[in-house]
C-alpha atoms as a PDB file:
ATOM      1  CA  MET A   1      -2.237 -14.354  -7.030  1.00  0.00           C
ATOM      2  CA  ARG A   2      -0.453 -15.491  -3.920  1.00  0.00           C
ATOM      3  CA  GLU A   3      -1.533 -13.794  -0.699  1.00  0.00           C
ATOM      4  CA  ILE A   4       1.419 -12.293   1.166  1.00  0.00           C
ATOM      5  CA  ILE A   5       0.572 -11.223   4.668  1.00  0.00           C
ATOM      6  CA  LEU A   6       3.566 -11.740   6.914  1.00  0.00           C
ATOM      7  CA  SER A   7       4.492 -10.106  10.176  1.00  0.00           C
ATOM      8  CA  THR A   8       7.808  -9.071   8.644  1.00  0.00           C
ATOM      9  CA  THR A   9       6.200  -7.342   5.657  1.00  0.00           C
ATOM     10  CA  PRO A  10       6.361  -3.543   6.068  1.00  0.00           C
ATOM     11  CA  SER A  11       2.937  -2.051   6.748  1.00  0.00           C
ATOM     12  CA  ILE A  12       1.258   1.232   7.547  1.00  0.00           C
ATOM     13  CA  ASP A  13      -2.058   1.671   9.359  1.00  0.00           C
ATOM     14  CA  LEU A  14      -4.118   4.617   8.093  1.00  0.00           C
ATOM     15  CA  HIS A  15      -6.993   4.361  10.574  1.00  0.00           C
ATOM     16  CA  GLY A  16      -7.881   7.888  11.679  1.00  0.00           C
ATOM     17  CA  TYR A  17      -6.264   9.619   8.688  1.00  0.00           C
ATOM     18  CA  ASP A  18      -8.140  11.939   6.366  1.00  0.00           C
ATOM     19  CA  ARG A  19      -7.702  11.636   2.591  1.00  0.00           C
ATOM     20  CA  GLU A  20      -4.903  14.177   2.211  1.00  0.00           C
ATOM     21  CA  SER A  21      -2.931  12.907   5.223  1.00  0.00           C
ATOM     22  CA  ALA A  22      -3.314   9.327   3.992  1.00  0.00           C
ATOM     23  CA  ARG A  23      -2.022  10.233   0.532  1.00  0.00           C
ATOM     24  CA  ILE A  24       1.054  11.939   2.013  1.00  0.00           C
ATOM     25  CA  ALA A  25       1.666   9.076   4.464  1.00  0.00           C
ATOM     26  CA  VAL A  26       1.436   6.468   1.688  1.00  0.00           C
ATOM     27  CA  LYS A  27       3.859   8.406  -0.508  1.00  0.00           C
ATOM     28  CA  ASP A  28       6.396   8.672   2.328  1.00  0.00           C
ATOM     29  CA  PHE A  29       5.820   5.035   3.328  1.00  0.00           C
ATOM     30  CA  LEU A  30       6.539   3.761  -0.187  1.00  0.00           C
ATOM     31  CA  THR A  31       9.731   5.825  -0.270  1.00  0.00           C
ATOM     32  CA  ASP A  32      10.835   4.241   3.014  1.00  0.00           C
ATOM     33  CA  VAL A  33       9.923   0.726   1.845  1.00  0.00           C
ATOM     34  CA  LEU A  34      12.021   1.154  -1.294  1.00  0.00           C
ATOM     35  CA  ARG A  35      14.939   2.500   0.760  1.00  0.00           C
ATOM     36  CA  MET A  36      14.726  -0.646   2.912  1.00  0.00           C
ATOM     37  CA  GLY A  37      15.057  -2.701  -0.262  1.00  0.00           C
ATOM     38  CA  GLU A  38      11.636  -4.311   0.095  1.00  0.00           C
ATOM     39  CA  LYS A  39       9.400  -5.146  -2.854  1.00  0.00           C
ATOM     40  CA  THR A  40       6.101  -5.882  -1.070  1.00  0.00           C
ATOM     41  CA  CYS A  41       4.236  -3.885   1.553  1.00  0.00           C
ATOM     42  CA  ILE A  42       0.794  -3.668   3.103  1.00  0.00           C
ATOM     43  CA  ILE A  43      -1.405  -0.616   3.495  1.00  0.00           C
ATOM     44  CA  ILE A  44      -4.081  -0.996   6.159  1.00  0.00           C
ATOM     45  CA  HIS A  45      -6.961   1.348   5.357  1.00  0.00           C
ATOM     46  CA  GLY A  46      -9.845  -0.438   7.006  1.00  0.00           C
ATOM     47  CA  ILE A  47     -13.233  -1.174   5.513  1.00  0.00           C
ATOM     48  CA  GLY A  48     -15.658   1.481   6.796  1.00  0.00           C
ATOM     49  CA  TYR A  49     -17.244   3.442   3.973  1.00  0.00           C
ATOM     50  CA  GLY A  50     -14.342   2.672   1.631  1.00  0.00           C
ATOM     51  CA  ILE A  51     -13.148   6.283   1.466  1.00  0.00           C
ATOM     52  CA  LEU A  52      -9.518   5.586   2.424  1.00  0.00           C
ATOM     53  CA  GLN A  53      -9.426   2.431   0.323  1.00  0.00           C
ATOM     54  CA  LYS A  54     -10.495   4.379  -2.760  1.00  0.00           C
ATOM     55  CA  GLU A  55      -8.041   7.186  -2.031  1.00  0.00           C
ATOM     56  CA  VAL A  56      -5.145   4.777  -1.476  1.00  0.00           C
ATOM     57  CA  GLN A  57      -5.862   2.833  -4.641  1.00  0.00           C
ATOM     58  CA  LEU A  58      -6.296   6.033  -6.642  1.00  0.00           C
ATOM     59  CA  TYR A  59      -2.861   7.129  -5.473  1.00  0.00           C
ATOM     60  CA  LEU A  60      -1.254   3.726  -6.115  1.00  0.00           C
ATOM     61  CA  GLY A  61      -2.588   3.731  -9.674  1.00  0.00           C
ATOM     62  CA  LYS A  62      -0.682   6.942 -10.380  1.00  0.00           C
ATOM     63  CA  ASP A  63       2.588   6.194  -8.555  1.00  0.00           C
ATOM     64  CA  LYS A  64       5.170   5.002 -11.105  1.00  0.00           C
ATOM     65  CA  ARG A  65       7.039   3.058  -8.422  1.00  0.00           C
ATOM     66  CA  VAL A  66       4.091   0.675  -8.014  1.00  0.00           C
ATOM     67  CA  GLU A  67       4.162  -2.484 -10.114  1.00  0.00           C
ATOM     68  CA  SER A  68       0.780  -3.776  -8.921  1.00  0.00           C
ATOM     69  CA  TYR A  69      -1.619  -3.751  -6.009  1.00  0.00           C
ATOM     70  CA  TYR A  70      -4.653  -5.699  -4.931  1.00  0.00           C
ATOM     71  CA  LEU A  71      -7.154  -5.861  -2.129  1.00  0.00           C
ATOM     72  CA  SER A  72      -6.259  -8.637   0.285  1.00  0.00           C
ATOM     73  CA  PHE A  73      -8.739 -11.470   0.022  1.00  0.00           C
ATOM     74  CA  ILE A  74      -7.944 -12.532   3.596  1.00  0.00           C
ATOM     75  CA  ASN A  75      -8.539  -9.032   4.988  1.00  0.00           C
ATOM     76  CA  PRO A  76     -10.396  -6.611   2.685  1.00  0.00           C
ATOM     77  CA  GLY A  77      -9.278  -3.762   4.943  1.00  0.00           C
ATOM     78  CA  CYS A  78      -5.765  -4.070   3.498  1.00  0.00           C
ATOM     79  CA  THR A  79      -4.169  -3.453   0.133  1.00  0.00           C
ATOM     80  CA  VAL A  80      -1.074  -5.450  -0.785  1.00  0.00           C
ATOM     81  CA  VAL A  81       1.404  -3.470  -2.896  1.00  0.00           C
ATOM     82  CA  LYS A  82       4.173  -4.808  -5.144  1.00  0.00           C
ATOM     83  CA  LEU A  83       6.850  -2.239  -5.922  1.00  0.00           C
ATOM     84  CA  LYS A  84       9.106  -2.062  -8.931  1.00  0.00           C
ATOM     85  CA  THR A  85      12.742  -2.841  -8.377  1.00  0.00           C
ATOM     86  CA  SER A  86      15.534  -1.152 -10.256  1.00  0.00           C
ATOM     87  CA  LYS A  87      15.711  -4.241 -12.490  1.00  0.00           C
ATOM     88  CA  SER A  88      12.001  -4.038 -13.424  1.00  0.00           C
ATOM     89  CA  LYS A  89      12.088  -0.407 -14.578  1.00  0.00           C
END
């Protein structure tokens, strides 16, 4: 897998969010990313105890708009998300 961490890639920082707020923020963020016509985005959840990371990845696994996601190997406090385009549905 190629690591994509660019300053122009849309991202959201969830530091300070609780589980429910993070889930809602991620859902809204993905909607906005798709509206912008982007296919890749970054969710910054931090490392800590792994609570937000688990919650984010649980949500991403259920969202039908998500093609794939993986933990960044450069920064394990981030999850890189690939979204489906209208052509890949």
